[in-house]
């Protein structure tokens, strides 16, 4: 059986992890902007791995001066 990364959090926890308001996260979903989400019936969930990938994509590395 495949090893699925299904550690899920709700939108409140996802907003806290990302530093967004819940409303901002809802607006991003409506606009189909990252991070990816799951719709499970009426519930919205986020994979922790997707939140981490989103944060990684937003990371800006400092330029080395020297």
PDB file of N, CA and C in Angstrom:
ATOM      1  N   UNK A   1       0.842  -1.183   0.000  1.00  0.00           N
ATOM      2  CA  UNK A   1       0.000   0.000   0.000  1.00  0.00           C
ATOM      3  C   UNK A   1       0.887   1.247   0.000  1.00  0.00           C
ATOM      4  N   UNK A   2       0.546   2.255  -0.819  1.00  0.00           N
ATOM      5  CA  UNK A   2       1.363   3.459  -0.875  1.00  0.00           C
ATOM      6  C   UNK A   2       1.342   4.219   0.449  1.00  0.00           C
ATOM      7  N   UNK A   3       2.407   4.950   0.700  1.00  0.00           N
ATOM      8  CA  UNK A   3       2.507   5.756   1.905  1.00  0.00           C
ATOM      9  C   UNK A   3       2.031   7.170   1.575  1.00  0.00           C
ATOM     10  N   UNK A   4       0.784   7.474   1.891  1.00  0.00           N
ATOM     11  CA  UNK A   4       0.236   8.796   1.617  1.00  0.00           C
ATOM     12  C   UNK A   4       0.532   9.722   2.782  1.00  0.00           C
ATOM     13  N   UNK A   5       0.915  10.955   2.456  1.00  0.00           N
ATOM     14  CA  UNK A   5       1.138  11.956   3.487  1.00  0.00           C
ATOM     15  C   UNK A   5      -0.200  12.647   3.742  1.00  0.00           C
ATOM     16  N   UNK A   6      -0.988  12.096   4.651  1.00  0.00           N
ATOM     17  CA  UNK A   6      -2.339  12.605   4.880  1.00  0.00           C
ATOM     18  C   UNK A   6      -2.514  13.219   6.262  1.00  0.00           C
ATOM     19  N   UNK A   7      -1.464  13.810   6.793  1.00  0.00           N
ATOM     20  CA  UNK A   7      -1.620  14.513   8.054  1.00  0.00           C
ATOM     21  C   UNK A   7      -2.333  15.821   7.741  1.00  0.00           C
ATOM     22  N   UNK A   8      -3.596  15.920   8.158  1.00  0.00           N
ATOM     23  CA  UNK A   8      -4.454  17.033   7.765  1.00  0.00           C
ATOM     24  C   UNK A   8      -4.714  17.988   8.919  1.00  0.00           C
ATOM     25  N   UNK A   9      -4.925  19.264   8.561  1.00  0.00           N
ATOM     26  CA  UNK A   9      -5.343  20.267   9.537  1.00  0.00           C
ATOM     27  C   UNK A   9      -6.521  21.036   8.951  1.00  0.00           C
ATOM     28  N   UNK A  10      -7.325  21.626   9.821  1.00  0.00           N
ATOM     29  CA  UNK A  10      -8.460  22.426   9.356  1.00  0.00           C
ATOM     30  C   UNK A  10      -7.986  23.829   8.973  1.00  0.00           C
ATOM     31  N   UNK A  11      -8.918  24.660   8.482  1.00  0.00           N
ATOM     32  CA  UNK A  11      -8.511  25.977   7.992  1.00  0.00           C
ATOM     33  C   UNK A  11      -8.024  26.886   9.115  1.00  0.00           C
ATOM     34  N   UNK A  12      -8.547  26.717  10.304  1.00  0.00           N
ATOM     35  CA  UNK A  12      -8.099  27.541  11.434  1.00  0.00           C
ATOM     36  C   UNK A  12      -6.629  27.264  11.740  1.00  0.00           C
ATOM     37  N   UNK A  13      -6.269  25.988  11.792  1.00  0.00           N
ATOM     38  CA  UNK A  13      -4.875  25.613  12.056  1.00  0.00           C
ATOM     39  C   UNK A  13      -3.976  26.031  10.892  1.00  0.00           C
ATOM     40  N   UNK A  14      -4.462  25.862   9.664  1.00  0.00           N
ATOM     41  CA  UNK A  14      -3.669  26.246   8.491  1.00  0.00           C
ATOM     42  C   UNK A  14      -3.399  27.751   8.495  1.00  0.00           C
ATOM     43  N   UNK A  15      -4.411  28.532   8.821  1.00  0.00           N
ATOM     44  CA  UNK A  15      -4.240  29.985   8.881  1.00  0.00           C
ATOM     45  C   UNK A  15      -3.202  30.357   9.938  1.00  0.00           C
ATOM     46  N   UNK A  16      -3.251  29.696  11.076  1.00  0.00           N
ATOM     47  CA  UNK A  16      -2.288  29.961  12.149  1.00  0.00           C
ATOM     48  C   UNK A  16      -0.865  29.608  11.705  1.00  0.00           C
ATOM     49  N   UNK A  17      -0.718  28.453  11.060  1.00  0.00           N
ATOM     50  CA  UNK A  17       0.600  28.005  10.598  1.00  0.00           C
ATOM     51  C   UNK A  17       1.184  28.988   9.587  1.00  0.00           C
ATOM     52  N   UNK A  18       0.345  29.480   8.675  1.00  0.00           N
ATOM     53  CA  UNK A  18       0.817  30.353   7.600  1.00  0.00           C
ATOM     54  C   UNK A  18       0.867  31.826   7.991  1.00  0.00           C
ATOM     55  N   UNK A  19       0.236  32.175   9.108  1.00  0.00           N
ATOM     56  CA  UNK A  19       0.196  33.574   9.516  1.00  0.00           C
ATOM     57  C   UNK A  19      -0.834  34.384   8.753  1.00  0.00           C
ATOM     58  N   UNK A  20      -1.860  33.718   8.221  1.00  0.00           N
ATOM     59  CA  UNK A  20      -2.953  34.372   7.508  1.00  0.00           C
ATOM     60  C   UNK A  20      -4.170  34.439   8.421  1.00  0.00           C
ATOM     61  N   UNK A  21      -5.071  35.366   8.117  1.00  0.00           N
ATOM     62  CA  UNK A  21      -6.379  35.309   8.754  1.00  0.00           C
ATOM     63  C   UNK A  21      -7.176  34.201   8.061  1.00  0.00           C
ATOM     64  N   UNK A  22      -8.202  33.720   8.717  1.00  0.00           N
ATOM     65  CA  UNK A  22      -9.058  32.696   8.105  1.00  0.00           C
ATOM     66  C   UNK A  22      -9.697  33.262   6.837  1.00  0.00           C
ATOM     67  N   UNK A  23     -10.121  34.514   6.887  1.00  0.00           N
ATOM     68  CA  UNK A  23     -10.749  35.148   5.722  1.00  0.00           C
ATOM     69  C   UNK A  23      -9.773  35.218   4.544  1.00  0.00           C
ATOM     70  N   UNK A  24      -8.511  35.537   4.806  1.00  0.00           N
ATOM     71  CA  UNK A  24      -7.508  35.573   3.731  1.00  0.00           C
ATOM     72  C   UNK A  24      -7.336  34.198   3.104  1.00  0.00           C
ATOM     73  N   UNK A  25      -7.312  33.178   3.952  1.00  0.00           N
ATOM     74  CA  UNK A  25      -7.181  31.812   3.448  1.00  0.00           C
ATOM     75  C   UNK A  25      -8.406  31.435   2.611  1.00  0.00           C
ATOM     76  N   UNK A  26      -9.596  31.842   3.046  1.00  0.00           N
ATOM     77  CA  UNK A  26     -10.817  31.580   2.282  1.00  0.00           C
ATOM     78  C   UNK A  26     -10.778  32.301   0.934  1.00  0.00           C
ATOM     79  N   UNK A  27     -10.305  33.538   0.928  1.00  0.00           N
ATOM     80  CA  UNK A  27     -10.191  34.292  -0.326  1.00  0.00           C
ATOM     81  C   UNK A  27      -9.210  33.624  -1.280  1.00  0.00           C
ATOM     82  N   UNK A  28      -8.107  33.124  -0.756  1.00  0.00           N
ATOM     83  CA  UNK A  28      -7.122  32.439  -1.599  1.00  0.00           C
ATOM     84  C   UNK A  28      -7.735  31.179  -2.209  1.00  0.00           C
ATOM     85  N   UNK A  29      -8.534  30.452  -1.437  1.00  0.00           N
ATOM     86  CA  UNK A  29      -9.207  29.258  -1.980  1.00  0.00           C
ATOM     87  C   UNK A  29     -10.149  29.652  -3.099  1.00  0.00           C
ATOM     88  N   UNK A  30     -10.939  30.686  -2.877  1.00  0.00           N
ATOM     89  CA  UNK A  30     -11.920  31.133  -3.868  1.00  0.00           C
ATOM     90  C   UNK A  30     -11.226  31.539  -5.168  1.00  0.00           C
ATOM     91  N   UNK A  31     -10.034  32.149  -5.053  1.00  0.00           N
ATOM     92  CA  UNK A  31      -9.267  32.573  -6.227  1.00  0.00           C
ATOM     93  C   UNK A  31      -8.396  31.451  -6.784  1.00  0.00           C
ATOM     94  N   UNK A  32      -8.472  30.268  -6.167  1.00  0.00           N
ATOM     95  CA  UNK A  32      -7.670  29.099  -6.564  1.00  0.00           C
ATOM     96  C   UNK A  32      -6.172  29.388  -6.474  1.00  0.00           C
ATOM     97  N   UNK A  33      -5.782  30.117  -5.438  1.00  0.00           N
ATOM     98  CA  UNK A  33      -4.376  30.410  -5.184  1.00  0.00           C
ATOM     99  C   UNK A  33      -3.837  29.412  -4.170  1.00  0.00           C
ATOM    100  N   UNK A  34      -2.516  29.193  -4.184  1.00  0.00           N
ATOM    101  CA  UNK A  34      -1.925  28.275  -3.204  1.00  0.00           C
ATOM    102  C   UNK A  34      -2.145  28.788  -1.782  1.00  0.00           C
ATOM    103  N   UNK A  35      -2.101  27.900  -0.836  1.00  0.00           N
ATOM    104  CA  UNK A  35      -1.715  26.492  -0.889  1.00  0.00           C
ATOM    105  C   UNK A  35      -2.879  25.596  -1.317  1.00  0.00           C
ATOM    106  N   UNK A  36      -2.527  24.404  -1.766  1.00  0.00           N
ATOM    107  CA  UNK A  36      -3.531  23.412  -2.160  1.00  0.00           C
ATOM    108  C   UNK A  36      -4.375  23.023  -0.956  1.00  0.00           C
ATOM    109  N   UNK A  37      -5.611  22.629  -1.225  1.00  0.00           N
ATOM    110  CA  UNK A  37      -6.506  22.215  -0.146  1.00  0.00           C
ATOM    111  C   UNK A  37      -7.341  21.037  -0.601  1.00  0.00           C
ATOM    112  N   UNK A  38      -7.990  20.400   0.349  1.00  0.00           N
ATOM    113  CA  UNK A  38      -8.897  19.287   0.077  1.00  0.00           C
ATOM    114  C   UNK A  38     -10.298  19.700   0.489  1.00  0.00           C
ATOM    115  N   UNK A  39     -11.279  19.303  -0.282  1.00  0.00           N
ATOM    116  CA  UNK A  39     -12.670  19.508   0.092  1.00  0.00           C
ATOM    117  C   UNK A  39     -13.255  18.133   0.371  1.00  0.00           C
ATOM    118  N   UNK A  40     -13.555  17.883   1.618  1.00  0.00           N
ATOM    119  CA  UNK A  40     -14.065  16.589   2.063  1.00  0.00           C
ATOM    120  C   UNK A  40     -15.515  16.779   2.492  1.00  0.00           C
ATOM    121  N   UNK A  41     -16.421  16.613   1.534  1.00  0.00           N
ATOM    122  CA  UNK A  41     -17.816  16.939   1.815  1.00  0.00           C
ATOM    123  C   UNK A  41     -17.918  18.448   1.971  1.00  0.00           C
ATOM    124  N   UNK A  42     -18.367  18.887   3.133  1.00  0.00           N
ATOM    125  CA  UNK A  42     -18.442  20.320   3.423  1.00  0.00           C
ATOM    126  C   UNK A  42     -17.191  20.841   4.121  1.00  0.00           C
ATOM    127  N   UNK A  43     -16.325  19.947   4.506  1.00  0.00           N
ATOM    128  CA  UNK A  43     -15.128  20.338   5.257  1.00  0.00           C
ATOM    129  C   UNK A  43     -13.971  20.675   4.326  1.00  0.00           C
ATOM    130  N   UNK A  44     -13.181  21.631   4.758  1.00  0.00           N
ATOM    131  CA  UNK A  44     -11.950  22.012   4.070  1.00  0.00           C
ATOM    132  C   UNK A  44     -10.790  21.552   4.935  1.00  0.00           C
ATOM    133  N   UNK A  45      -9.797  20.954   4.307  1.00  0.00           N
ATOM    134  CA  UNK A  45      -8.616  20.493   5.038  1.00  0.00           C
ATOM    135  C   UNK A  45      -7.376  20.798   4.211  1.00  0.00           C
ATOM    136  N   UNK A  46      -6.270  20.882   4.911  1.00  0.00           N
ATOM    137  CA  UNK A  46      -4.976  21.128   4.279  1.00  0.00           C
ATOM    138  C   UNK A  46      -4.006  20.051   4.720  1.00  0.00           C
ATOM    139  N   UNK A  47      -3.231  19.538   3.770  1.00  0.00           N
ATOM    140  CA  UNK A  47      -2.152  18.615   4.123  1.00  0.00           C
ATOM    141  C   UNK A  47      -1.011  19.442   4.699  1.00  0.00           C
ATOM    142  N   UNK A  48      -0.426  18.967   5.787  1.00  0.00           N
ATOM    143  CA  UNK A  48       0.729  19.664   6.342  1.00  0.00           C
ATOM    144  C   UNK A  48       1.856  19.741   5.324  1.00  0.00           C
ATOM    145  N   UNK A  49       1.998  18.698   4.511  1.00  0.00           N
ATOM    146  CA  UNK A  49       3.059  18.708   3.492  1.00  0.00           C
ATOM    147  C   UNK A  49       2.815  19.806   2.450  1.00  0.00           C
ATOM    148  N   UNK A  50       1.551  20.094   2.120  1.00  0.00           N
ATOM    149  CA  UNK A  50       1.247  21.175   1.177  1.00  0.00           C
ATOM    150  C   UNK A  50       1.542  22.542   1.791  1.00  0.00           C
ATOM    151  N   UNK A  51       1.261  22.688   3.083  1.00  0.00           N
ATOM    152  CA  UNK A  51       1.570  23.948   3.758  1.00  0.00           C
ATOM    153  C   UNK A  51       3.079  24.167   3.796  1.00  0.00           C
ATOM    154  N   UNK A  52       3.819  23.096   4.076  1.00  0.00           N
ATOM    155  CA  UNK A  52       5.282  23.193   4.097  1.00  0.00           C
ATOM    156  C   UNK A  52       5.817  23.539   2.711  1.00  0.00           C
ATOM    157  N   UNK A  53       5.263  22.911   1.680  1.00  0.00           N
ATOM    158  CA  UNK A  53       5.693  23.196   0.308  1.00  0.00           C
ATOM    159  C   UNK A  53       5.408  24.654  -0.055  1.00  0.00           C
ATOM    160  N   UNK A  54       4.270  25.170   0.380  1.00  0.00           N
ATOM    161  CA  UNK A  54       3.931  26.570   0.122  1.00  0.00           C
ATOM    162  C   UNK A  54       4.938  27.495   0.809  1.00  0.00           C
ATOM    163  N   UNK A  55       5.234  27.205   2.069  1.00  0.00           N
ATOM    164  CA  UNK A  55       6.207  28.023   2.794  1.00  0.00           C
ATOM    165  C   UNK A  55       7.586  27.944   2.148  1.00  0.00           C
ATOM    166  N   UNK A  56       7.963  26.758   1.704  1.00  0.00           N
ATOM    167  CA  UNK A  56       9.255  26.596   1.028  1.00  0.00           C
ATOM    168  C   UNK A  56       9.308  27.424  -0.253  1.00  0.00           C
ATOM    169  N   UNK A  57       8.199  27.451  -0.995  1.00  0.00           N
ATOM    170  CA  UNK A  57       8.150  28.207  -2.245  1.00  0.00           C
ATOM    171  C   UNK A  57       8.211  29.716  -1.995  1.00  0.00           C
ATOM    172  N   UNK A  58       7.802  30.149  -0.817  1.00  0.00           N
ATOM    173  CA  UNK A  58       7.817  31.575  -0.472  1.00  0.00           C
ATOM    174  C   UNK A  58       9.143  32.018   0.140  1.00  0.00           C
ATOM    175  N   UNK A  59      10.029  31.075   0.373  1.00  0.00           N
ATOM    176  CA  UNK A  59      11.301  31.392   1.012  1.00  0.00           C
ATOM    177  C   UNK A  59      12.212  32.138   0.045  1.00  0.00           C
ATOM    178  N   UNK A  60      12.780  33.214   0.531  1.00  0.00           N
ATOM    179  CA  UNK A  60      13.733  34.001  -0.249  1.00  0.00           C
ATOM    180  C   UNK A  60      15.090  33.864   0.421  1.00  0.00           C
ATOM    181  N   UNK A  61      16.042  33.374  -0.336  1.00  0.00           N
ATOM    182  CA  UNK A  61      17.395  33.196   0.188  1.00  0.00           C
ATOM    183  C   UNK A  61      18.147  34.520   0.099  1.00  0.00           C
ATOM    184  N   UNK A  62      18.873  34.886   1.156  1.00  0.00           N
ATOM    185  CA  UNK A  62      19.645  36.129   1.098  1.00  0.00           C
ATOM    186  C   UNK A  62      20.791  36.011   0.093  1.00  0.00           C
ATOM    187  N   UNK A  63      21.119  37.125  -0.515  1.00  0.00           N
ATOM    188  CA  UNK A  63      22.228  37.137  -1.468  1.00  0.00           C
ATOM    189  C   UNK A  63      23.534  37.184  -0.694  1.00  0.00           C
ATOM    190  N   UNK A  64      24.488  36.450  -1.174  1.00  0.00           N
ATOM    191  CA  UNK A  64      25.810  36.437  -0.552  1.00  0.00           C
ATOM    192  C   UNK A  64      26.616  37.610  -1.089  1.00  0.00           C
ATOM    193  N   UNK A  65      27.087  38.434  -0.196  1.00  0.00           N
ATOM    194  CA  UNK A  65      27.936  39.559  -0.614  1.00  0.00           C
ATOM    195  C   UNK A  65      29.361  39.243  -0.213  1.00  0.00           C
ATOM    196  N   UNK A  66      30.225  39.388  -1.135  1.00  0.00           N
ATOM    197  CA  UNK A  66      31.594  39.120  -0.740  1.00  0.00           C
ATOM    198  C   UNK A  66      32.553  39.075  -1.818  1.00  0.00           C
TER     199      UNK A  66
END
